[in-house]
Amino acid sequence: MTKLDEITEKILRQIDESGFKQKGAFNLRHNGIALCHGDSEHIKIKKKEDRQGIDIFIDGETKGEQVHIPVVVDASGMQDKVYNDFYIAEGAEVTIVAGCGIHNSGCNESRHEGIHSFHVGKGANVRYEEKHYGEGEGTGSKVLNPVTAIYLEEEAVFTLDTAQIKGVDSTVRETEVEMGAGSKLYVIEKLMTHDDQLAESNMEVRMNGDGSSAQIISRSVAKGSSRQVFHPKAVGNASCHAHVQCDSIIMDHAEVSSIPEINARHIDAAIIHEAAIGRINDEQLVKLRTLGMTEEEAEGIIIDNFLN
C-alpha cells in the first residue's frame, strides 16, 4: 500500500465522501502521474499508451461495486491534462467516484483538465460522482476544466452527480450526452462561488431514441463578486421527455446568468425548462435568528439545505 502525505489525505477527504481506500478498483493521480492503482475481479484499469490517462473496463457481472479515480494536484504551476475512457458492459451496475482537488501554496496557476468519456452498454446502470475543490494559501489560481462525454445505449441509466465545493478560481464545464432508446439520464449539478471566481457550465443532451428521458437539476450559490453562467440544452430527436431546472441564490455583488435551451425535433418530444434566480428570503433569516443563530449561521443553514 502506497503511503500518502498529509495534504493528499486531506484533499481526498474533501472530494471522496465514501472514503478513498487502496482496495478493489482504484487509481489515484497525483501531480500528473498515477501514484497507485488496483483492479477488482470485474473492473480492470489500464494505462493509455498514446497519451496521459487510463481506460477502465467494467464487465457485465459488476453488481454494486465502486471504482475510485481521484486526482490531487499540490504542485504550484502544474498543468495537468488527462484522458479517461470508461467502457461499461451490458447489464453492469457500478458507482464511479471521481473528483479533483488542488492545493496551491505558490504564485503560479495550477490547472487540471479531465476529459472523460463513458460508453454505457444496454441496460447498464452507472452513477458518476465528481467533486471539485480548491485550497492553499498561495496567490496562484486554481483552475479546473472538466469535459464529459456520455454515450448511452438502449435502456441504459446514467446518474451524473457533480459538485464544486469551494476554492476553485475558474472552471468551464463541457458536457455532452447521446441517448439511445429507453435510456434515462439524471443530472444533479451543485456549485458555489465566492470572491472573484468564475464558473461556466455548458451541457447538451441529445435524446435520439424513442422513450429516452432526461432530468437536469442545477443549483448554485454565488457570493462576493463571482460570476456564473449556465447553459443547459436539451434536444429531442425522437419521442422523449426532458425537464431542465436551474435555481440559483445570488448574494453580495455576484452575477448569475441562466440560459436553459430546449429544441424539439420530433412531434412527440416533450421538453420543459425552468430557471429561477433570487436572494435569500428575509423571513427565513429572521425565523432562524429567533432560534439564536447569527445571520452568518442562518445563511449557512439555508445554503446547505438549498444545495443538498
C-alpha atoms as a PDB file:
ATOM      1  CA  MET A   1       0.000   0.000   0.000  1.00  0.00           C
ATOM      2  CA  THR A   2       1.334   3.436  -1.012  1.00  0.00           C
ATOM      3  CA  LYS A   3       1.783   5.891   1.871  1.00  0.00           C
ATOM      4  CA  LEU A   4       0.074   9.239   1.209  1.00  0.00           C
ATOM      5  CA  ASP A   5       1.178  12.606   2.586  1.00  0.00           C
ATOM      6  CA  GLU A   6      -0.957  14.828   4.819  1.00  0.00           C
ATOM      7  CA  ILE A   7      -2.076  17.249   2.066  1.00  0.00           C
ATOM      8  CA  THR A   8      -3.149  14.421  -0.232  1.00  0.00           C
ATOM      9  CA  GLU A   9      -5.067  12.726   2.565  1.00  0.00           C
ATOM     10  CA  LYS A  10      -6.831  15.983   3.439  1.00  0.00           C
ATOM     11  CA  ILE A  11      -7.884  16.665  -0.154  1.00  0.00           C
ATOM     12  CA  LEU A  12      -9.109  13.098  -0.618  1.00  0.00           C
ATOM     13  CA  ARG A  13     -11.379  13.528   2.394  1.00  0.00           C
ATOM     14  CA  GLN A  14     -12.923  16.562   0.666  1.00  0.00           C
ATOM     15  CA  ILE A  15     -13.516  15.038  -2.779  1.00  0.00           C
ATOM     16  CA  ASP A  16     -14.305  11.419  -1.848  1.00  0.00           C
ATOM     17  CA  GLU A  17     -17.001  11.267   0.841  1.00  0.00           C
ATOM     18  CA  SER A  18     -17.260   7.484   0.784  1.00  0.00           C
ATOM     19  CA  GLY A  19     -13.552   7.279   1.594  1.00  0.00           C
ATOM     20  CA  PHE A  20     -10.609   6.545  -0.698  1.00  0.00           C
ATOM     21  CA  LYS A  21      -9.144   3.163   0.121  1.00  0.00           C
ATOM     22  CA  GLN A  22      -6.461   1.345  -1.785  1.00  0.00           C
ATOM     23  CA  LYS A  23      -8.752  -1.647  -2.249  1.00  0.00           C
ATOM     24  CA  GLY A  24     -10.733  -3.026  -5.160  1.00  0.00           C
ATOM     25  CA  ALA A  25     -10.639  -0.936  -8.329  1.00  0.00           C
ATOM     26  CA  PHE A  26      -8.923   2.442  -7.885  1.00  0.00           C
ATOM     27  CA  ASN A  27      -6.488   4.873  -9.466  1.00  0.00           C
ATOM     28  CA  LEU A  28      -5.004   7.922  -7.720  1.00  0.00           C
ATOM     29  CA  ARG A  29      -3.458  10.547  -9.992  1.00  0.00           C
ATOM     30  CA  HIS A  30      -1.072  12.900  -8.191  1.00  0.00           C
ATOM     31  CA  ASN A  31       0.689  15.830  -9.904  1.00  0.00           C
ATOM     32  CA  GLY A  32       0.331  14.296 -13.350  1.00  0.00           C
ATOM     33  CA  ILE A  33       1.261  10.678 -12.616  1.00  0.00           C
ATOM     34  CA  ALA A  34      -0.581   7.576 -11.445  1.00  0.00           C
ATOM     35  CA  LEU A  35       0.572   7.252  -7.836  1.00  0.00           C
ATOM     36  CA  CYS A  36      -1.188   3.957  -7.151  1.00  0.00           C
ATOM     37  CA  HIS A  37      -3.860   1.762  -8.712  1.00  0.00           C
ATOM     38  CA  GLY A  38      -5.592  -1.578  -8.379  1.00  0.00           C
ATOM     39  CA  ASP A  39      -8.093  -3.846 -10.144  1.00  0.00           C
ATOM     40  CA  SER A  40     -11.007  -5.921  -8.912  1.00  0.00           C
ATOM     41  CA  GLU A  41     -12.392  -9.140 -10.330  1.00  0.00           C
ATOM     42  CA  HIS A  42     -14.813  -7.318 -12.635  1.00  0.00           C
ATOM     43  CA  ILE A  43     -13.146  -3.912 -13.106  1.00  0.00           C
ATOM     44  CA  LYS A  44      -9.796  -3.516 -14.863  1.00  0.00           C
ATOM     45  CA  ILE A  45      -7.810  -0.282 -15.228  1.00  0.00           C
ATOM     46  CA  LYS A  46      -5.163   0.051 -17.939  1.00  0.00           C
ATOM     47  CA  LYS A  47      -2.779   2.913 -18.610  1.00  0.00           C
ATOM     48  CA  LYS A  48      -3.094   4.508 -22.049  1.00  0.00           C
ATOM     49  CA  GLU A  49      -0.123   4.067 -24.342  1.00  0.00           C
ATOM     50  CA  ASP A  50      -0.682   7.013 -26.673  1.00  0.00           C
ATOM     51  CA  ARG A  51      -1.417   9.809 -24.165  1.00  0.00           C
ATOM     52  CA  GLN A  52      -1.925  10.579 -20.481  1.00  0.00           C
ATOM     53  CA  GLY A  53      -4.846   8.729 -18.980  1.00  0.00           C
ATOM     54  CA  ILE A  54      -6.455   5.387 -18.307  1.00  0.00           C
ATOM     55  CA  ASP A  55      -9.023   3.007 -19.806  1.00  0.00           C
ATOM     56  CA  ILE A  56     -11.473   1.486 -17.327  1.00  0.00           C
ATOM     57  CA  PHE A  57     -13.215  -1.747 -18.334  1.00  0.00           C
ATOM     58  CA  ILE A  58     -16.296  -2.714 -16.291  1.00  0.00           C
ATOM     59  CA  ASP A  59     -17.728  -6.110 -17.207  1.00  0.00           C
ATOM     60  CA  GLY A  60     -21.374  -7.165 -17.199  1.00  0.00           C
ATOM     61  CA  GLU A  61     -21.000  -9.162 -13.981  1.00  0.00           C
ATOM     62  CA  THR A  62     -20.281  -5.999 -11.989  1.00  0.00           C
ATOM     63  CA  LYS A  63     -23.052  -5.513  -9.413  1.00  0.00           C
ATOM     64  CA  GLY A  64     -22.907  -2.799  -6.748  1.00  0.00           C
ATOM     65  CA  GLU A  65     -19.155  -2.173  -6.985  1.00  0.00           C
ATOM     66  CA  GLN A  66     -17.366   1.158  -6.727  1.00  0.00           C
ATOM     67  CA  VAL A  67     -14.320   2.402  -8.607  1.00  0.00           C
ATOM     68  CA  HIS A  68     -12.425   5.415  -7.232  1.00  0.00           C
ATOM     69  CA  ILE A  69     -10.335   7.617  -9.558  1.00  0.00           C
ATOM     70  CA  PRO A  70      -9.488  10.875  -7.712  1.00  0.00           C
ATOM     71  CA  VAL A  71      -6.945  13.478  -8.832  1.00  0.00           C
ATOM     72  CA  VAL A  72      -4.808  15.571  -6.494  1.00  0.00           C
ATOM     73  CA  VAL A  73      -2.641  18.499  -7.608  1.00  0.00           C
ATOM     74  CA  ASP A  74      -0.449  20.165  -4.977  1.00  0.00           C
ATOM     75  CA  ALA A  75       2.437  21.493  -7.087  1.00  0.00           C
ATOM     76  CA  SER A  76       2.124  25.197  -7.909  1.00  0.00           C
ATOM     77  CA  GLY A  77       2.314  25.772 -11.661  1.00  0.00           C
ATOM     78  CA  MET A  78       1.242  22.218 -12.544  1.00  0.00           C
ATOM     79  CA  GLN A  79      -0.659  21.994 -15.861  1.00  0.00           C
ATOM     80  CA  ASP A  80      -2.281  18.559 -15.916  1.00  0.00           C
ATOM     81  CA  LYS A  81      -4.407  17.122 -18.724  1.00  0.00           C
ATOM     82  CA  VAL A  82      -5.713  13.573 -18.686  1.00  0.00           C
ATOM     83  CA  TYR A  83      -7.972  11.410 -20.879  1.00  0.00           C
ATOM     84  CA  ASN A  84     -10.031   8.732 -19.140  1.00  0.00           C
ATOM     85  CA  ASP A  85     -12.335   6.368 -21.054  1.00  0.00           C
ATOM     86  CA  PHE A  86     -14.890   4.093 -19.386  1.00  0.00           C
ATOM     87  CA  TYR A  87     -16.294   1.016 -21.090  1.00  0.00           C
ATOM     88  CA  ILE A  88     -19.314  -0.299 -19.174  1.00  0.00           C
ATOM     89  CA  ALA A  89     -20.672  -3.611 -20.427  1.00  0.00           C
ATOM     90  CA  GLU A  90     -24.322  -4.553 -20.849  1.00  0.00           C
ATOM     91  CA  GLY A  91     -26.131  -5.073 -17.547  1.00  0.00           C
ATOM     92  CA  ALA A  92     -23.381  -3.744 -15.268  1.00  0.00           C
ATOM     93  CA  GLU A  93     -24.247  -1.790 -12.113  1.00  0.00           C
ATOM     94  CA  VAL A  94     -21.446   0.450 -10.830  1.00  0.00           C
ATOM     95  CA  THR A  95     -20.642   3.671  -8.977  1.00  0.00           C
ATOM     96  CA  ILE A  96     -17.678   5.710 -10.189  1.00  0.00           C
ATOM     97  CA  VAL A  97     -16.261   8.186  -7.665  1.00  0.00           C
ATOM     98  CA  ALA A  98     -14.003  10.804  -9.228  1.00  0.00           C
ATOM     99  CA  GLY A  99     -13.200  14.427  -8.484  1.00  0.00           C
ATOM    100  CA  CYS A 100     -10.182  16.687  -8.291  1.00  0.00           C
ATOM    101  CA  GLY A 101      -8.675  18.770  -5.527  1.00  0.00           C
ATOM    102  CA  ILE A 102      -5.991  21.429  -5.996  1.00  0.00           C
ATOM    103  CA  HIS A 103      -3.744  22.712  -3.206  1.00  0.00           C
ATOM    104  CA  ASN A 104      -1.796  25.740  -4.419  1.00  0.00           C
ATOM    105  CA  SER A 105       0.609  27.373  -1.997  1.00  0.00           C
ATOM    106  CA  GLY A 106       2.597  29.225  -4.674  1.00  0.00           C
ATOM    107  CA  CYS A 107       2.145  32.144  -7.062  1.00  0.00           C
ATOM    108  CA  ASN A 108       1.682  30.212 -10.347  1.00  0.00           C
ATOM    109  CA  GLU A 109      -1.575  28.924 -11.777  1.00  0.00           C
ATOM    110  CA  SER A 110      -2.329  25.239 -11.156  1.00  0.00           C
ATOM    111  CA  ARG A 111      -4.698  23.640 -13.652  1.00  0.00           C
ATOM    112  CA  HIS A 112      -6.318  20.258 -14.198  1.00  0.00           C
ATOM    113  CA  GLU A 113      -8.305  19.288 -17.283  1.00  0.00           C
ATOM    114  CA  GLY A 114     -10.026  15.911 -17.161  1.00  0.00           C
ATOM    115  CA  ILE A 115     -11.532  14.637 -20.413  1.00  0.00           C
ATOM    116  CA  HIS A 116     -13.813  11.712 -19.585  1.00  0.00           C
ATOM    117  CA  SER A 117     -15.904   9.581 -21.932  1.00  0.00           C
ATOM    118  CA  PHE A 118     -18.418   6.939 -20.879  1.00  0.00           C
ATOM    119  CA  HIS A 119     -19.568   4.175 -23.227  1.00  0.00           C
ATOM    120  CA  VAL A 120     -22.536   2.627 -21.427  1.00  0.00           C
ATOM    121  CA  GLY A 121     -23.913  -0.700 -22.660  1.00  0.00           C
ATOM    122  CA  LYS A 122     -27.521  -1.806 -22.943  1.00  0.00           C
ATOM    123  CA  GLY A 123     -29.359  -1.885 -19.620  1.00  0.00           C
ATOM    124  CA  ALA A 124     -26.312  -0.842 -17.574  1.00  0.00           C
ATOM    125  CA  ASN A 125     -26.783   1.432 -14.564  1.00  0.00           C
ATOM    126  CA  VAL A 126     -23.990   3.919 -13.784  1.00  0.00           C
ATOM    127  CA  ARG A 127     -23.672   6.526 -11.066  1.00  0.00           C
ATOM    128  CA  TYR A 128     -20.840   9.010 -11.551  1.00  0.00           C
ATOM    129  CA  GLU A 129     -19.886  11.284  -8.641  1.00  0.00           C
ATOM    130  CA  GLU A 130     -17.469  14.140  -9.218  1.00  0.00           C
ATOM    131  CA  LYS A 131     -16.410  16.779  -6.686  1.00  0.00           C
ATOM    132  CA  HIS A 132     -14.089  19.724  -7.280  1.00  0.00           C
ATOM    133  CA  TYR A 133     -12.267  21.555  -4.516  1.00  0.00           C
ATOM    134  CA  GLY A 134      -9.518  24.143  -4.164  1.00  0.00           C
ATOM    135  CA  GLU A 135      -7.395  25.342  -1.249  1.00  0.00           C
ATOM    136  CA  GLY A 136      -3.978  26.803  -0.429  1.00  0.00           C
ATOM    137  CA  GLU A 137      -2.509  29.990   0.953  1.00  0.00           C
ATOM    138  CA  GLY A 138      -0.731  30.955  -2.281  1.00  0.00           C
ATOM    139  CA  THR A 139      -1.771  33.622  -4.779  1.00  0.00           C
ATOM    140  CA  GLY A 140      -1.717  31.269  -7.762  1.00  0.00           C
ATOM    141  CA  SER A 141      -5.071  30.415  -9.354  1.00  0.00           C
ATOM    142  CA  LYS A 142      -6.744  27.029  -9.056  1.00  0.00           C
ATOM    143  CA  VAL A 143      -8.383  26.084 -12.364  1.00  0.00           C
ATOM    144  CA  LEU A 144     -10.500  23.012 -13.169  1.00  0.00           C
ATOM    145  CA  ASN A 145     -11.934  22.441 -16.657  1.00  0.00           C
ATOM    146  CA  PRO A 146     -13.735  19.076 -16.991  1.00  0.00           C
ATOM    147  CA  VAL A 147     -15.044  17.676 -20.282  1.00  0.00           C
ATOM    148  CA  THR A 148     -17.570  14.836 -20.069  1.00  0.00           C
ATOM    149  CA  ALA A 149     -18.993  12.802 -22.971  1.00  0.00           C
ATOM    150  CA  ILE A 150     -21.655  10.164 -22.254  1.00  0.00           C
ATOM    151  CA  TYR A 151     -22.965   7.623 -24.778  1.00  0.00           C
ATOM    152  CA  LEU A 152     -25.989   5.621 -23.604  1.00  0.00           C
ATOM    153  CA  GLU A 153     -27.203   2.514 -25.406  1.00  0.00           C
ATOM    154  CA  GLU A 154     -30.771   1.174 -25.125  1.00  0.00           C
ATOM    155  CA  GLU A 155     -32.284   1.129 -21.616  1.00  0.00           C
ATOM    156  CA  ALA A 156     -29.050   2.373 -20.024  1.00  0.00           C
ATOM    157  CA  VAL A 157     -29.321   4.585 -16.927  1.00  0.00           C
ATOM    158  CA  PHE A 158     -26.754   7.233 -16.015  1.00  0.00           C
ATOM    159  CA  THR A 159     -26.723   9.490 -12.944  1.00  0.00           C
ATOM    160  CA  LEU A 160     -24.300  12.427 -13.076  1.00  0.00           C
ATOM    161  CA  ASP A 161     -23.799  13.982  -9.627  1.00  0.00           C
ATOM    162  CA  THR A 162     -21.329  16.870  -9.736  1.00  0.00           C
ATOM    163  CA  ALA A 163     -20.397  19.422  -7.093  1.00  0.00           C
ATOM    164  CA  GLN A 164     -17.932  22.295  -6.844  1.00  0.00           C
ATOM    165  CA  ILE A 165     -17.453  22.700  -3.117  1.00  0.00           C
ATOM    166  CA  LYS A 166     -15.288  25.820  -2.814  1.00  0.00           C
ATOM    167  CA  GLY A 167     -11.916  27.333  -3.584  1.00  0.00           C
ATOM    168  CA  VAL A 168     -11.890  26.914  -7.378  1.00  0.00           C
ATOM    169  CA  ASP A 169     -10.983  30.230  -9.035  1.00  0.00           C
ATOM    170  CA  SER A 170     -12.115  29.343 -12.549  1.00  0.00           C
ATOM    171  CA  THR A 171     -13.991  26.462 -14.131  1.00  0.00           C
ATOM    172  CA  VAL A 172     -15.510  25.776 -17.533  1.00  0.00           C
ATOM    173  CA  ARG A 173     -17.540  22.562 -17.670  1.00  0.00           C
ATOM    174  CA  GLU A 174     -18.425  20.975 -21.016  1.00  0.00           C
ATOM    175  CA  THR A 175     -20.876  18.050 -21.043  1.00  0.00           C
ATOM    176  CA  GLU A 176     -22.362  16.162 -24.000  1.00  0.00           C
ATOM    177  CA  VAL A 177     -24.783  13.238 -23.828  1.00  0.00           C
ATOM    178  CA  GLU A 178     -26.091  10.940 -26.596  1.00  0.00           C
ATOM    179  CA  MET A 179     -29.119   8.850 -25.589  1.00  0.00           C
ATOM    180  CA  GLY A 180     -30.465   5.651 -27.119  1.00  0.00           C
ATOM    181  CA  ALA A 181     -33.999   4.257 -26.955  1.00  0.00           C
ATOM    182  CA  GLY A 182     -35.406   3.906 -23.454  1.00  0.00           C
ATOM    183  CA  SER A 183     -32.292   5.305 -21.792  1.00  0.00           C
ATOM    184  CA  LYS A 184     -32.519   7.581 -18.766  1.00  0.00           C
ATOM    185  CA  LEU A 185     -30.299  10.447 -17.621  1.00  0.00           C
ATOM    186  CA  TYR A 186     -30.335  12.127 -14.204  1.00  0.00           C
ATOM    187  CA  VAL A 187     -28.118  15.175 -13.660  1.00  0.00           C
ATOM    188  CA  ILE A 188     -27.586  16.901 -10.317  1.00  0.00           C
ATOM    189  CA  GLU A 189     -25.199  19.854 -10.514  1.00  0.00           C
ATOM    190  CA  LYS A 190     -24.253  21.838  -7.379  1.00  0.00           C
ATOM    191  CA  LEU A 191     -21.968  24.835  -7.422  1.00  0.00           C
ATOM    192  CA  MET A 192     -20.748  27.538  -5.051  1.00  0.00           C
ATOM    193  CA  THR A 193     -18.580  30.517  -5.998  1.00  0.00           C
ATOM    194  CA  HIS A 194     -17.202  33.406  -3.943  1.00  0.00           C
ATOM    195  CA  ASP A 195     -14.791  36.360  -4.201  1.00  0.00           C
ATOM    196  CA  ASP A 196     -13.921  36.922  -7.907  1.00  0.00           C
ATOM    197  CA  GLN A 197     -14.389  33.328  -9.037  1.00  0.00           C
ATOM    198  CA  LEU A 198     -15.825  32.411 -12.433  1.00  0.00           C
ATOM    199  CA  ALA A 199     -17.856  29.302 -13.272  1.00  0.00           C
ATOM    200  CA  GLU A 200     -19.364  28.325 -16.611  1.00  0.00           C
ATOM    201  CA  SER A 201     -21.329  25.153 -17.304  1.00  0.00           C
ATOM    202  CA  ASN A 202     -22.365  24.129 -20.822  1.00  0.00           C
ATOM    203  CA  MET A 203     -24.398  20.980 -21.363  1.00  0.00           C
ATOM    204  CA  GLU A 204     -26.067  19.448 -24.422  1.00  0.00           C
ATOM    205  CA  VAL A 205     -28.252  16.360 -24.120  1.00  0.00           C
ATOM    206  CA  ARG A 206     -29.420  14.721 -27.348  1.00  0.00           C
ATOM    207  CA  MET A 207     -32.323  12.290 -26.919  1.00  0.00           C
ATOM    208  CA  ASN A 208     -32.040  10.233 -30.080  1.00  0.00           C
ATOM    209  CA  GLY A 209     -34.069   7.143 -29.161  1.00  0.00           C
ATOM    210  CA  ASP A 210     -37.789   6.689 -28.535  1.00  0.00           C
ATOM    211  CA  GLY A 211     -38.676   6.582 -24.852  1.00  0.00           C
ATOM    212  CA  SER A 212     -35.482   8.292 -23.699  1.00  0.00           C
ATOM    213  CA  SER A 213     -35.779  10.777 -20.829  1.00  0.00           C
ATOM    214  CA  ALA A 214     -33.601  13.313 -19.027  1.00  0.00           C
ATOM    215  CA  GLN A 215     -33.904  15.229 -15.769  1.00  0.00           C
ATOM    216  CA  ILE A 216     -31.369  18.030 -15.286  1.00  0.00           C
ATOM    217  CA  ILE A 217     -31.263  19.936 -11.996  1.00  0.00           C
ATOM    218  CA  SER A 218     -28.701  22.673 -11.390  1.00  0.00           C
ATOM    219  CA  ARG A 219     -28.448  24.503  -8.065  1.00  0.00           C
ATOM    220  CA  SER A 220     -25.909  27.187  -7.310  1.00  0.00           C
ATOM    221  CA  VAL A 221     -24.950  29.893  -4.831  1.00  0.00           C
ATOM    222  CA  ALA A 222     -22.972  32.947  -5.968  1.00  0.00           C
ATOM    223  CA  LYS A 223     -21.276  35.160  -3.353  1.00  0.00           C
ATOM    224  CA  GLY A 224     -18.907  38.120  -3.397  1.00  0.00           C
ATOM    225  CA  SER A 225     -18.181  39.408  -6.903  1.00  0.00           C
ATOM    226  CA  SER A 226     -18.242  35.957  -8.500  1.00  0.00           C
ATOM    227  CA  ARG A 227     -19.867  35.190 -11.850  1.00  0.00           C
ATOM    228  CA  GLN A 228     -21.763  32.126 -13.012  1.00  0.00           C
ATOM    229  CA  VAL A 229     -23.132  31.139 -16.419  1.00  0.00           C
ATOM    230  CA  PHE A 230     -25.328  28.083 -17.018  1.00  0.00           C
ATOM    231  CA  HIS A 231     -26.299  26.891 -20.483  1.00  0.00           C
ATOM    232  CA  PRO A 232     -28.059  23.503 -20.454  1.00  0.00           C
ATOM    233  CA  LYS A 233     -29.546  22.409 -23.790  1.00  0.00           C
ATOM    234  CA  ALA A 234     -31.989  19.519 -24.301  1.00  0.00           C
ATOM    235  CA  VAL A 235     -32.559  18.295 -27.866  1.00  0.00           C
ATOM    236  CA  GLY A 236     -35.423  15.914 -28.630  1.00  0.00           C
ATOM    237  CA  ASN A 237     -34.774  13.942 -31.816  1.00  0.00           C
ATOM    238  CA  ALA A 238     -37.374  11.249 -31.010  1.00  0.00           C
ATOM    239  CA  SER A 239     -40.389  10.580 -28.818  1.00  0.00           C
ATOM    240  CA  CYS A 240     -38.866  11.593 -25.485  1.00  0.00           C
ATOM    241  CA  HIS A 241     -39.232  13.621 -22.308  1.00  0.00           C
ATOM    242  CA  ALA A 242     -36.931  16.089 -20.563  1.00  0.00           C
ATOM    243  CA  HIS A 243     -37.103  18.527 -17.648  1.00  0.00           C
ATOM    244  CA  VAL A 244     -34.401  21.170 -17.163  1.00  0.00           C
ATOM    245  CA  GLN A 245     -34.366  23.183 -13.925  1.00  0.00           C
ATOM    246  CA  CYS A 246     -31.805  25.823 -12.900  1.00  0.00           C
ATOM    247  CA  ASP A 247     -32.142  27.502  -9.477  1.00  0.00           C
ATOM    248  CA  SER A 248     -29.642  29.992  -8.028  1.00  0.00           C
ATOM    249  CA  ILE A 249     -29.179  32.080  -4.896  1.00  0.00           C
ATOM    250  CA  ILE A 250     -27.396  35.372  -5.553  1.00  0.00           C
ATOM    251  CA  MET A 251     -25.630  37.328  -2.796  1.00  0.00           C
ATOM    252  CA  ASP A 252     -23.465  40.429  -2.364  1.00  0.00           C
ATOM    253  CA  HIS A 253     -22.323  41.735  -5.783  1.00  0.00           C
ATOM    254  CA  ALA A 254     -22.385  38.442  -7.665  1.00  0.00           C
ATOM    255  CA  GLU A 255     -23.768  37.856 -11.169  1.00  0.00           C
ATOM    256  CA  VAL A 256     -25.652  34.791 -12.396  1.00  0.00           C
ATOM    257  CA  SER A 257     -26.816  34.024 -15.948  1.00  0.00           C
ATOM    258  CA  SER A 258     -29.058  31.026 -16.579  1.00  0.00           C
ATOM    259  CA  ILE A 259     -29.780  30.199 -20.222  1.00  0.00           C
ATOM    260  CA  PRO A 260     -31.749  26.943 -20.492  1.00  0.00           C
ATOM    261  CA  GLU A 261     -32.414  25.925 -24.102  1.00  0.00           C
ATOM    262  CA  ILE A 262     -34.839  23.339 -25.486  1.00  0.00           C
ATOM    263  CA  ASN A 263     -35.032  22.084 -29.044  1.00  0.00           C
ATOM    264  CA  ALA A 264     -37.810  19.716 -30.139  1.00  0.00           C
ATOM    265  CA  ARG A 265     -37.160  17.985 -33.462  1.00  0.00           C
ATOM    266  CA  HIS A 266     -39.917  15.381 -33.135  1.00  0.00           C
ATOM    267  CA  ILE A 267     -43.679  15.801 -32.739  1.00  0.00           C
ATOM    268  CA  ASP A 268     -43.641  13.640 -29.582  1.00  0.00           C
ATOM    269  CA  ALA A 269     -40.707  15.352 -27.901  1.00  0.00           C
ATOM    270  CA  ALA A 270     -41.924  16.853 -24.612  1.00  0.00           C
ATOM    271  CA  ILE A 271     -39.367  19.191 -23.031  1.00  0.00           C
ATOM    272  CA  ILE A 272     -39.789  21.608 -20.117  1.00  0.00           C
ATOM    273  CA  HIS A 273     -37.346  24.175 -18.790  1.00  0.00           C
ATOM    274  CA  GLU A 274     -37.390  26.353 -15.676  1.00  0.00           C
ATOM    275  CA  ALA A 275     -34.966  28.925 -14.298  1.00  0.00           C
ATOM    276  CA  ALA A 276     -35.092  30.939 -11.069  1.00  0.00           C
ATOM    277  CA  ILE A 277     -32.580  33.348  -9.527  1.00  0.00           C
ATOM    278  CA  GLY A 278     -33.153  35.184  -6.258  1.00  0.00           C
ATOM    279  CA  ARG A 279     -31.769  36.297  -2.926  1.00  0.00           C
ATOM    280  CA  ILE A 280     -32.253  34.593   0.426  1.00  0.00           C
ATOM    281  CA  ASN A 281     -35.683  35.336   1.836  1.00  0.00           C
ATOM    282  CA  ASP A 282     -35.527  37.780   4.762  1.00  0.00           C
ATOM    283  CA  GLU A 283     -38.297  35.882   6.566  1.00  0.00           C
ATOM    284  CA  GLN A 284     -36.168  32.730   6.553  1.00  0.00           C
ATOM    285  CA  LEU A 285     -33.274  34.614   8.134  1.00  0.00           C
ATOM    286  CA  VAL A 286     -35.485  36.173  10.795  1.00  0.00           C
ATOM    287  CA  LYS A 287     -37.020  32.810  11.696  1.00  0.00           C
ATOM    288  CA  LEU A 288     -33.636  31.143  12.139  1.00  0.00           C
ATOM    289  CA  ARG A 289     -32.227  34.088  14.090  1.00  0.00           C
ATOM    290  CA  THR A 290     -35.086  33.789  16.575  1.00  0.00           C
ATOM    291  CA  LEU A 291     -33.634  30.346  17.333  1.00  0.00           C
ATOM    292  CA  GLY A 292     -30.414  32.014  18.497  1.00  0.00           C
ATOM    293  CA  MET A 293     -28.377  31.837  15.293  1.00  0.00           C
ATOM    294  CA  THR A 294     -26.218  34.654  13.982  1.00  0.00           C
ATOM    295  CA  GLU A 295     -27.004  35.966  10.491  1.00  0.00           C
ATOM    296  CA  GLU A 296     -23.959  34.138   9.120  1.00  0.00           C
ATOM    297  CA  GLU A 297     -25.020  30.848  10.742  1.00  0.00           C
ATOM    298  CA  ALA A 298     -28.561  31.250   9.403  1.00  0.00           C
ATOM    299  CA  GLU A 299     -27.284  31.898   5.885  1.00  0.00           C
ATOM    300  CA  GLY A 300     -25.100  28.800   6.132  1.00  0.00           C
ATOM    301  CA  ILE A 301     -28.056  26.606   7.109  1.00  0.00           C
ATOM    302  CA  ILE A 302     -30.203  27.949   4.266  1.00  0.00           C
ATOM    303  CA  ILE A 303     -27.441  27.477   1.692  1.00  0.00           C
ATOM    304  CA  ASP A 304     -26.621  23.924   2.853  1.00  0.00           C
ATOM    305  CA  ASN A 305     -30.269  22.897   2.610  1.00  0.00           C
ATOM    306  CA  PHE A 306     -30.650  24.577  -0.783  1.00  0.00           C
ATOM    307  CA  LEU A 307     -27.638  22.808  -2.293  1.00  0.00           C
ATOM    308  CA  ASN A 308     -28.330  19.430  -0.697  1.00  0.00           C
END
